[in-house]
């Protein structure tokens, strides 16, 4: 017997093995999207996590591992960003952020517009969010009423965002034995 694939073409049917046991789902809250690193790879640095703004990815008291070679913004990724702060002796302050991209069209006069216009070029602008903003307007309104809204910085052109980003957060540093 010939079965059709999902594309509608004839294909081989997959054999289903009755001997394989079903895997039960078990909630494992300790599993994370970021790697747990016992040692710091070359070209990386740590940065202290001071709050739960990026929970469950990063937790207060942990150390984020930052890849210093990766500083191009990417939607939804966590980064370490630098910004001017005259209150700090070095003049620079650092913070963890999540990058969000928005699609715009840049006119010849440098103004960004939402809809395509003659001569306008598509461009992605970036916003550094110092919390994880909700995707839906309803959730945003709920958080706003509860007083749980964070701050953001932007929009920024990609080249400017890349200059400010120190590196992408790639893991959590948990010192190994003997540290």
N, C-alpha and C. Protein backbone atom coordinates (compact mmCIF):
# COMPACT_ATOMS: atom_id res chain seq x y z
N UNK A 1 0.83 -1.16 0.00
CA UNK A 1 0.00 0.00 0.00
C UNK A 1 0.89 1.24 0.00
N UNK A 2 0.52 2.22 -0.83
CA UNK A 2 1.26 3.46 -0.90
C UNK A 2 0.48 4.54 -0.16
N UNK A 3 1.16 5.23 0.72
CA UNK A 3 0.52 6.34 1.43
C UNK A 3 1.06 7.64 0.88
N UNK A 4 0.33 8.69 1.07
CA UNK A 4 0.75 10.01 0.60
C UNK A 4 1.45 10.75 1.74
N UNK A 5 2.48 11.50 1.37
CA UNK A 5 3.18 12.33 2.35
C UNK A 5 2.34 13.57 2.61
N UNK A 6 2.77 14.42 3.51
CA UNK A 6 2.03 15.64 3.81
C UNK A 6 1.98 16.57 2.61
N UNK A 7 2.92 16.41 1.68
CA UNK A 7 2.92 17.23 0.47
C UNK A 7 2.03 16.63 -0.61
N UNK A 8 1.40 15.48 -0.36
CA UNK A 8 0.49 14.87 -1.31
C UNK A 8 1.16 13.92 -2.28
N UNK A 9 2.48 13.73 -2.15
CA UNK A 9 3.20 12.84 -3.05
C UNK A 9 3.23 11.44 -2.46
N UNK A 10 3.29 10.41 -3.32
CA UNK A 10 3.41 9.04 -2.78
C UNK A 10 4.69 8.92 -1.97
N UNK A 11 4.63 8.22 -0.88
CA UNK A 11 5.81 8.03 -0.05
C UNK A 11 5.67 6.76 0.76
N UNK A 12 6.70 6.43 1.49
CA UNK A 12 6.67 5.23 2.33
C UNK A 12 5.97 5.56 3.63
N UNK A 13 5.17 4.64 4.08
CA UNK A 13 4.51 4.81 5.36
C UNK A 13 5.52 4.53 6.48
N UNK A 14 5.44 5.30 7.54
CA UNK A 14 6.32 5.08 8.68
C UNK A 14 5.77 3.95 9.53
N UNK A 15 6.64 3.07 9.93
CA UNK A 15 6.23 1.96 10.80
C UNK A 15 6.11 2.48 12.23
N UNK A 16 5.03 2.19 12.88
CA UNK A 16 4.84 2.59 14.27
C UNK A 16 5.12 1.37 15.13
N UNK A 17 6.06 1.54 16.04
CA UNK A 17 6.48 0.42 16.88
C UNK A 17 5.62 0.34 18.13
N UNK A 18 4.90 -0.75 18.33
CA UNK A 18 4.10 -0.88 19.54
C UNK A 18 4.95 -1.14 20.77
N UNK A 19 6.26 -1.44 20.60
CA UNK A 19 7.11 -1.75 21.74
C UNK A 19 7.61 -0.49 22.48
N UNK A 20 7.55 0.69 21.83
CA UNK A 20 8.07 1.88 22.47
C UNK A 20 7.07 2.40 23.50
N UNK A 21 7.53 2.60 24.73
CA UNK A 21 6.61 3.10 25.76
C UNK A 21 6.35 4.59 25.55
N UNK A 22 5.20 5.05 25.96
CA UNK A 22 4.88 6.47 25.91
C UNK A 22 5.70 7.18 26.99
N UNK A 23 6.19 8.36 26.66
CA UNK A 23 6.97 9.15 27.61
C UNK A 23 6.01 10.07 28.35
N UNK A 24 6.00 9.98 29.66
CA UNK A 24 5.14 10.82 30.47
C UNK A 24 5.76 12.21 30.59
N UNK A 25 4.93 13.23 30.50
CA UNK A 25 5.40 14.60 30.69
C UNK A 25 5.54 14.88 32.18
N UNK A 26 6.67 15.45 32.53
CA UNK A 26 6.89 15.85 33.91
C UNK A 26 7.44 17.26 33.91
N UNK A 27 6.75 18.18 34.59
CA UNK A 27 7.20 19.57 34.65
C UNK A 27 8.55 19.64 35.36
N UNK A 28 9.50 20.31 34.72
CA UNK A 28 10.84 20.43 35.28
C UNK A 28 11.22 21.90 35.31
N UNK A 29 10.87 22.62 36.37
CA UNK A 29 11.10 24.07 36.41
C UNK A 29 12.58 24.44 36.37
N UNK A 30 13.47 23.51 36.66
CA UNK A 30 14.90 23.84 36.63
C UNK A 30 15.47 23.89 35.22
N UNK A 31 14.72 23.39 34.22
CA UNK A 31 15.18 23.47 32.84
C UNK A 31 15.09 24.91 32.36
N UNK A 32 16.07 25.33 31.55
CA UNK A 32 16.15 26.72 31.14
C UNK A 32 16.48 26.83 29.67
N UNK A 33 16.22 27.99 29.11
CA UNK A 33 16.57 28.26 27.73
C UNK A 33 18.05 28.58 27.60
N UNK A 34 18.67 29.06 28.67
CA UNK A 34 20.09 29.40 28.65
C UNK A 34 20.91 28.25 29.24
N UNK A 35 22.11 28.08 28.69
CA UNK A 35 23.00 27.03 29.19
C UNK A 35 23.54 27.39 30.57
N UNK A 36 23.72 26.40 31.41
CA UNK A 36 24.38 26.57 32.70
C UNK A 36 25.86 26.25 32.46
N UNK A 37 26.73 27.21 32.72
CA UNK A 37 28.16 27.06 32.43
C UNK A 37 28.96 27.04 33.72
N UNK A 38 29.73 25.96 33.97
CA UNK A 38 30.56 25.91 35.18
C UNK A 38 31.87 26.68 35.03
N UNK A 39 32.29 26.94 33.79
CA UNK A 39 33.50 27.72 33.53
C UNK A 39 33.16 28.79 32.50
N UNK A 40 33.96 29.82 32.49
CA UNK A 40 33.73 30.93 31.57
C UNK A 40 34.54 30.72 30.30
N UNK A 41 33.87 30.62 29.12
CA UNK A 41 34.61 30.42 27.87
C UNK A 41 35.42 31.67 27.52
N UNK A 42 36.50 31.51 26.74
CA UNK A 42 37.28 32.68 26.30
C UNK A 42 36.38 33.63 25.49
N UNK A 43 36.60 34.92 25.64
CA UNK A 43 35.82 35.91 24.92
C UNK A 43 34.46 36.18 25.52
N UNK A 44 34.26 35.74 26.76
CA UNK A 44 33.00 35.95 27.45
C UNK A 44 33.26 36.65 28.78
N UNK A 45 32.23 37.25 29.34
CA UNK A 45 32.32 37.89 30.66
C UNK A 45 31.05 37.58 31.43
N UNK A 46 31.06 37.85 32.72
CA UNK A 46 29.85 37.68 33.51
C UNK A 46 29.31 39.06 33.89
N UNK A 47 28.01 39.08 34.17
CA UNK A 47 27.35 40.30 34.63
C UNK A 47 26.32 39.90 35.67
N UNK A 48 26.32 40.55 36.85
CA UNK A 48 25.39 40.15 37.91
C UNK A 48 23.93 40.46 37.54
N UNK A 49 23.06 39.54 37.87
CA UNK A 49 21.62 39.72 37.66
C UNK A 49 21.07 40.27 38.97
N UNK A 50 20.58 41.51 38.93
CA UNK A 50 20.17 42.20 40.17
C UNK A 50 18.68 42.12 40.47
N UNK A 51 17.88 41.62 39.50
CA UNK A 51 16.44 41.53 39.75
C UNK A 51 15.87 40.37 38.94
N UNK A 52 14.56 40.22 39.00
CA UNK A 52 13.90 39.13 38.27
C UNK A 52 13.19 39.63 37.01
N UNK A 53 13.68 40.71 36.41
CA UNK A 53 13.04 41.28 35.21
C UNK A 53 13.03 40.29 34.05
N UNK A 54 13.99 39.37 34.01
CA UNK A 54 14.07 38.41 32.91
C UNK A 54 13.84 36.98 33.37
N UNK A 55 13.12 36.85 34.51
CA UNK A 55 12.75 35.53 35.00
C UNK A 55 11.80 34.90 33.98
N UNK A 56 11.90 33.64 33.65
CA UNK A 56 12.67 32.58 34.28
C UNK A 56 14.05 32.36 33.66
N UNK A 57 14.39 33.17 32.65
CA UNK A 57 15.68 32.97 31.96
C UNK A 57 16.86 33.31 32.87
N UNK A 58 16.74 34.43 33.55
CA UNK A 58 17.76 34.86 34.51
C UNK A 58 17.09 35.16 35.83
N UNK A 59 17.75 34.79 36.91
CA UNK A 59 17.17 34.97 38.24
C UNK A 59 18.07 35.84 39.10
N UNK A 60 17.45 36.60 39.97
CA UNK A 60 18.20 37.48 40.89
C UNK A 60 19.31 36.69 41.59
N UNK A 61 20.51 37.29 41.63
CA UNK A 61 21.64 36.66 42.30
C UNK A 61 22.51 35.81 41.39
N UNK A 62 22.07 35.54 40.16
CA UNK A 62 22.87 34.75 39.23
C UNK A 62 23.83 35.66 38.47
N UNK A 63 24.68 35.03 37.66
CA UNK A 63 25.59 35.76 36.79
C UNK A 63 25.31 35.39 35.35
N UNK A 64 24.92 36.37 34.54
CA UNK A 64 24.70 36.14 33.12
C UNK A 64 26.05 36.02 32.43
N UNK A 65 26.17 35.09 31.50
CA UNK A 65 27.38 34.93 30.69
C UNK A 65 27.14 35.66 29.38
N UNK A 66 28.03 36.60 29.04
CA UNK A 66 27.88 37.47 27.89
C UNK A 66 28.97 37.17 26.87
N UNK A 67 28.57 36.87 25.62
CA UNK A 67 29.50 36.64 24.50
C UNK A 67 29.88 38.00 23.93
N UNK A 68 31.13 38.41 24.14
CA UNK A 68 31.58 39.74 23.74
C UNK A 68 31.72 39.90 22.23
N UNK A 69 31.73 38.81 21.48
CA UNK A 69 31.87 38.88 20.02
C UNK A 69 30.53 39.03 19.31
N UNK A 70 29.44 38.82 20.01
CA UNK A 70 28.11 38.81 19.39
C UNK A 70 27.32 40.03 19.86
N UNK A 71 27.33 41.09 19.06
CA UNK A 71 26.62 42.29 19.48
C UNK A 71 25.69 42.86 18.40
N UNK A 72 25.27 42.01 17.46
CA UNK A 72 24.25 42.44 16.51
C UNK A 72 22.88 42.15 17.12
N UNK A 73 21.98 43.13 17.13
CA UNK A 73 20.68 42.90 17.76
C UNK A 73 19.90 41.77 17.10
N UNK A 74 19.16 41.03 17.90
CA UNK A 74 18.30 39.94 17.42
C UNK A 74 17.02 39.98 18.24
N UNK A 75 15.91 39.83 17.56
CA UNK A 75 14.59 39.96 18.21
C UNK A 75 14.41 38.92 19.32
N UNK A 76 14.06 39.42 20.52
CA UNK A 76 13.76 38.55 21.64
C UNK A 76 14.97 38.02 22.39
N UNK A 77 16.16 38.36 21.95
CA UNK A 77 17.38 37.88 22.62
C UNK A 77 17.78 38.85 23.74
N UNK A 78 18.44 38.29 24.76
CA UNK A 78 18.93 39.08 25.87
C UNK A 78 20.36 39.54 25.58
N UNK A 79 20.65 40.79 25.92
CA UNK A 79 21.96 41.39 25.70
C UNK A 79 22.37 42.20 26.92
N UNK A 80 23.67 42.49 26.99
CA UNK A 80 24.19 43.48 27.92
C UNK A 80 24.41 44.74 27.10
N UNK A 81 23.83 45.87 27.54
CA UNK A 81 23.92 47.12 26.80
C UNK A 81 24.64 48.16 27.65
N UNK A 82 25.35 49.08 26.99
CA UNK A 82 26.02 50.17 27.70
C UNK A 82 25.32 51.47 27.34
N UNK A 83 25.33 52.41 28.27
CA UNK A 83 24.77 53.73 28.00
C UNK A 83 25.48 54.76 28.85
N UNK A 84 25.40 56.00 28.43
CA UNK A 84 26.06 57.10 29.16
C UNK A 84 25.34 57.36 30.46
N UNK A 85 26.13 57.58 31.51
CA UNK A 85 25.58 57.91 32.81
C UNK A 85 26.59 58.79 33.54
N UNK A 86 26.32 60.09 33.61
CA UNK A 86 27.28 61.00 34.25
C UNK A 86 27.45 60.76 35.74
N UNK A 87 26.54 59.98 36.36
CA UNK A 87 26.65 59.69 37.79
C UNK A 87 27.71 58.65 38.09
N UNK A 88 28.17 57.94 37.05
CA UNK A 88 29.16 56.87 37.22
C UNK A 88 30.54 57.43 36.85
N UNK A 89 31.56 57.07 37.61
CA UNK A 89 32.91 57.62 37.41
C UNK A 89 33.41 57.42 35.98
N UNK A 90 33.16 56.24 35.41
CA UNK A 90 33.64 55.96 34.04
C UNK A 90 32.77 56.64 32.98
N UNK A 91 31.59 57.11 33.38
CA UNK A 91 30.68 57.73 32.42
C UNK A 91 29.79 56.74 31.69
N UNK A 92 30.01 55.44 31.94
CA UNK A 92 29.20 54.40 31.30
C UNK A 92 28.53 53.52 32.36
N UNK A 93 27.31 53.17 32.08
CA UNK A 93 26.58 52.22 32.92
C UNK A 93 26.17 51.05 32.04
N UNK A 94 25.87 49.92 32.64
CA UNK A 94 25.52 48.71 31.91
C UNK A 94 24.24 48.13 32.47
N UNK A 95 23.47 47.48 31.60
CA UNK A 95 22.22 46.85 32.03
C UNK A 95 21.89 45.70 31.10
N UNK A 96 21.15 44.74 31.63
CA UNK A 96 20.64 43.65 30.80
C UNK A 96 19.38 44.14 30.09
N UNK A 97 19.18 43.69 28.87
CA UNK A 97 17.99 44.10 28.12
C UNK A 97 17.59 43.00 27.14
N UNK A 98 16.34 43.09 26.71
CA UNK A 98 15.85 42.23 25.64
C UNK A 98 15.60 43.12 24.44
N UNK A 99 16.10 42.71 23.27
CA UNK A 99 15.95 43.53 22.07
C UNK A 99 14.67 43.17 21.32
N UNK A 100 13.96 44.20 20.88
CA UNK A 100 12.75 44.03 20.07
C UNK A 100 12.92 44.83 18.79
N UNK A 101 12.62 44.19 17.68
CA UNK A 101 12.72 44.84 16.38
C UNK A 101 11.35 45.25 15.86
N UNK A 102 11.31 46.39 15.19
CA UNK A 102 10.08 46.87 14.55
C UNK A 102 10.40 47.19 13.10
N UNK A 103 9.47 46.87 12.23
CA UNK A 103 9.68 47.12 10.80
C UNK A 103 9.10 48.48 10.42
N UNK A 104 9.94 49.30 9.81
CA UNK A 104 9.57 50.64 9.39
C UNK A 104 10.02 50.84 7.94
N UNK A 105 9.72 52.01 7.42
CA UNK A 105 10.22 52.42 6.10
C UNK A 105 10.87 53.78 6.29
N UNK A 106 12.13 53.88 5.85
CA UNK A 106 12.91 55.12 6.04
C UNK A 106 12.84 55.95 4.76
N UNK A 107 12.28 57.15 4.90
CA UNK A 107 12.19 58.06 3.75
C UNK A 107 13.55 58.71 3.50
N UNK A 108 13.69 59.33 2.34
CA UNK A 108 14.95 60.00 1.97
C UNK A 108 15.31 61.12 2.94
N UNK A 109 14.30 61.74 3.58
CA UNK A 109 14.57 62.81 4.55
C UNK A 109 14.95 62.28 5.93
N UNK A 110 15.06 60.93 6.08
CA UNK A 110 15.48 60.32 7.33
C UNK A 110 14.36 59.99 8.30
N UNK A 111 13.13 60.32 7.94
CA UNK A 111 11.99 60.05 8.81
C UNK A 111 11.50 58.63 8.59
N UNK A 112 11.23 57.91 9.69
CA UNK A 112 10.67 56.56 9.60
C UNK A 112 9.16 56.64 9.58
N UNK A 113 8.55 55.86 8.68
CA UNK A 113 7.09 55.78 8.59
C UNK A 113 6.68 54.32 8.61
N UNK A 114 5.47 54.04 9.06
CA UNK A 114 4.98 52.66 9.17
C UNK A 114 4.62 52.04 7.82
N UNK A 115 4.07 52.82 6.91
CA UNK A 115 3.58 52.29 5.62
C UNK A 115 4.58 52.61 4.51
N UNK A 116 4.66 51.73 3.50
CA UNK A 116 5.58 52.00 2.39
C UNK A 116 5.16 53.27 1.64
N UNK A 117 6.15 54.05 1.27
CA UNK A 117 5.95 55.25 0.47
C UNK A 117 6.94 55.22 -0.67
N UNK A 118 6.67 55.93 -1.76
CA UNK A 118 7.63 55.95 -2.87
C UNK A 118 9.00 56.44 -2.40
N UNK A 119 10.02 55.68 -2.72
CA UNK A 119 11.40 56.03 -2.35
C UNK A 119 11.81 55.63 -0.94
N UNK A 120 10.87 55.17 -0.12
CA UNK A 120 11.20 54.77 1.26
C UNK A 120 11.76 53.36 1.26
N UNK A 121 12.83 53.15 2.02
CA UNK A 121 13.50 51.85 2.11
C UNK A 121 13.07 51.13 3.39
N UNK A 122 12.83 49.81 3.32
CA UNK A 122 12.49 49.09 4.56
C UNK A 122 13.67 49.09 5.53
N UNK A 123 13.35 49.22 6.81
CA UNK A 123 14.39 49.25 7.84
C UNK A 123 13.83 48.65 9.13
N UNK A 124 14.68 47.95 9.85
CA UNK A 124 14.30 47.46 11.18
C UNK A 124 14.93 48.39 12.20
N UNK A 125 14.10 48.91 13.10
CA UNK A 125 14.62 49.69 14.22
C UNK A 125 14.52 48.83 15.47
N UNK A 126 15.38 49.13 16.45
CA UNK A 126 15.49 48.28 17.63
C UNK A 126 15.18 49.06 18.89
N UNK A 127 14.56 48.37 19.84
CA UNK A 127 14.26 48.92 21.15
C UNK A 127 14.85 47.98 22.19
N UNK A 128 15.57 48.56 23.15
CA UNK A 128 16.13 47.79 24.27
C UNK A 128 15.12 47.83 25.40
N UNK A 129 14.59 46.68 25.76
CA UNK A 129 13.59 46.58 26.83
C UNK A 129 14.27 46.04 28.09
N UNK A 130 14.10 46.73 29.19
CA UNK A 130 14.74 46.33 30.44
C UNK A 130 13.82 45.43 31.26
N UNK A 131 12.92 44.74 30.58
CA UNK A 131 11.99 43.76 31.13
C UNK A 131 11.47 42.96 29.95
N UNK A 132 10.65 41.95 30.18
CA UNK A 132 10.08 41.17 29.08
C UNK A 132 8.66 41.69 28.83
N UNK A 133 8.50 42.53 27.80
CA UNK A 133 7.17 43.07 27.51
C UNK A 133 6.23 42.00 26.99
N UNK A 134 4.93 42.11 27.30
CA UNK A 134 3.97 41.13 26.80
C UNK A 134 3.73 41.33 25.30
N UNK A 135 3.30 40.28 24.64
CA UNK A 135 3.02 40.34 23.21
C UNK A 135 1.63 40.89 22.92
N UNK A 136 0.67 40.72 23.84
CA UNK A 136 -0.70 41.16 23.57
C UNK A 136 -1.01 42.48 24.26
N UNK A 137 -1.90 43.26 23.65
CA UNK A 137 -2.32 44.54 24.23
C UNK A 137 -3.10 44.32 25.53
N UNK A 138 -3.90 43.24 25.58
CA UNK A 138 -4.67 42.96 26.80
C UNK A 138 -3.75 42.70 27.98
N UNK A 139 -2.69 41.92 27.76
CA UNK A 139 -1.74 41.63 28.84
C UNK A 139 -0.99 42.90 29.24
N UNK A 140 -0.66 43.73 28.26
CA UNK A 140 0.01 45.00 28.55
C UNK A 140 -0.88 45.87 29.44
N UNK A 141 -2.16 45.98 29.09
CA UNK A 141 -3.10 46.78 29.89
C UNK A 141 -3.22 46.23 31.31
N UNK A 142 -3.25 44.90 31.44
CA UNK A 142 -3.34 44.28 32.77
C UNK A 142 -2.12 44.64 33.60
N UNK A 143 -0.92 44.55 33.01
CA UNK A 143 0.31 44.89 33.73
C UNK A 143 0.37 46.38 34.05
N UNK A 144 -0.11 47.21 33.13
CA UNK A 144 -0.13 48.65 33.36
C UNK A 144 -1.00 48.99 34.57
N UNK A 145 -2.18 48.38 34.64
CA UNK A 145 -3.09 48.62 35.77
C UNK A 145 -2.50 48.10 37.08
N UNK A 146 -1.70 47.05 37.01
CA UNK A 146 -1.08 46.49 38.20
C UNK A 146 0.21 47.22 38.58
N UNK A 147 0.64 48.20 37.76
CA UNK A 147 1.86 48.94 38.05
C UNK A 147 3.12 48.12 37.82
N UNK A 148 3.09 47.20 36.88
CA UNK A 148 4.22 46.30 36.64
C UNK A 148 4.82 46.50 35.25
N UNK A 149 4.89 47.74 34.79
CA UNK A 149 5.43 48.04 33.46
C UNK A 149 6.89 48.44 33.61
N UNK A 150 7.75 47.91 32.76
CA UNK A 150 9.16 48.25 32.76
C UNK A 150 9.44 49.38 31.78
N UNK A 151 10.71 49.69 31.62
CA UNK A 151 11.10 50.77 30.71
C UNK A 151 11.82 50.20 29.50
N UNK A 152 11.85 51.01 28.44
CA UNK A 152 12.52 50.65 27.19
C UNK A 152 13.31 51.85 26.69
N UNK A 153 14.29 51.61 25.84
CA UNK A 153 15.09 52.66 25.24
C UNK A 153 15.10 52.44 23.73
N UNK A 154 14.67 53.41 22.97
CA UNK A 154 14.65 53.27 21.52
C UNK A 154 13.58 54.15 20.93
N UNK A 155 13.38 54.08 19.65
CA UNK A 155 13.99 53.15 18.69
C UNK A 155 15.40 53.58 18.30
N UNK A 156 16.18 52.59 17.88
CA UNK A 156 17.56 52.79 17.45
C UNK A 156 17.77 52.14 16.09
N UNK A 157 18.58 52.75 15.27
CA UNK A 157 18.97 52.09 14.02
C UNK A 157 19.88 50.92 14.38
N UNK A 158 19.96 49.93 13.50
CA UNK A 158 20.72 48.72 13.80
C UNK A 158 22.19 49.00 14.09
N UNK A 159 22.81 49.89 13.33
CA UNK A 159 24.23 50.17 13.54
C UNK A 159 24.47 50.82 14.91
N UNK A 160 23.57 51.72 15.32
CA UNK A 160 23.71 52.35 16.63
C UNK A 160 23.47 51.35 17.76
N UNK A 161 22.46 50.49 17.60
CA UNK A 161 22.19 49.46 18.60
C UNK A 161 23.40 48.54 18.75
N UNK A 162 24.01 48.14 17.63
CA UNK A 162 25.17 47.24 17.68
C UNK A 162 26.35 47.89 18.40
N UNK A 163 26.51 49.21 18.28
CA UNK A 163 27.58 49.92 18.99
C UNK A 163 27.35 49.89 20.50
N UNK A 164 26.10 49.98 20.91
CA UNK A 164 25.78 50.02 22.34
C UNK A 164 25.74 48.65 22.98
N UNK A 165 25.47 47.60 22.21
CA UNK A 165 25.38 46.26 22.78
C UNK A 165 26.77 45.72 23.06
N UNK A 166 27.02 45.34 24.29
CA UNK A 166 28.32 44.79 24.70
C UNK A 166 28.42 43.35 24.23
N UNK A 167 27.32 42.59 24.32
CA UNK A 167 27.32 41.20 23.88
C UNK A 167 26.01 40.53 24.22
N UNK A 168 25.79 39.37 23.58
CA UNK A 168 24.58 38.58 23.79
C UNK A 168 24.73 37.69 25.02
N UNK A 169 23.67 37.58 25.79
CA UNK A 169 23.64 36.67 26.93
C UNK A 169 23.47 35.25 26.39
N UNK A 170 24.43 34.38 26.70
CA UNK A 170 24.41 33.01 26.16
C UNK A 170 24.27 31.95 27.24
N UNK A 171 24.31 32.35 28.49
CA UNK A 171 24.21 31.35 29.54
C UNK A 171 24.21 31.97 30.92
N UNK A 172 24.23 31.07 31.90
CA UNK A 172 24.29 31.46 33.31
C UNK A 172 25.52 30.79 33.90
N UNK A 173 26.35 31.56 34.57
CA UNK A 173 27.57 31.01 35.16
C UNK A 173 27.26 30.50 36.55
N UNK A 174 27.51 29.23 36.75
CA UNK A 174 27.41 28.58 38.05
C UNK A 174 28.78 27.97 38.31
N UNK A 175 29.56 28.55 39.21
CA UNK A 175 30.93 28.07 39.42
C UNK A 175 30.97 26.58 39.72
N UNK A 176 31.94 25.91 39.10
CA UNK A 176 32.12 24.48 39.34
C UNK A 176 32.77 24.23 40.69
N UNK A 177 32.94 22.95 41.05
CA UNK A 177 33.57 22.60 42.33
C UNK A 177 34.98 23.17 42.43
N UNK A 178 35.31 23.61 43.60
CA UNK A 178 36.66 24.12 43.85
C UNK A 178 36.84 25.57 43.49
N UNK A 179 35.78 26.24 43.13
CA UNK A 179 35.93 27.65 42.78
C UNK A 179 35.94 28.48 44.03
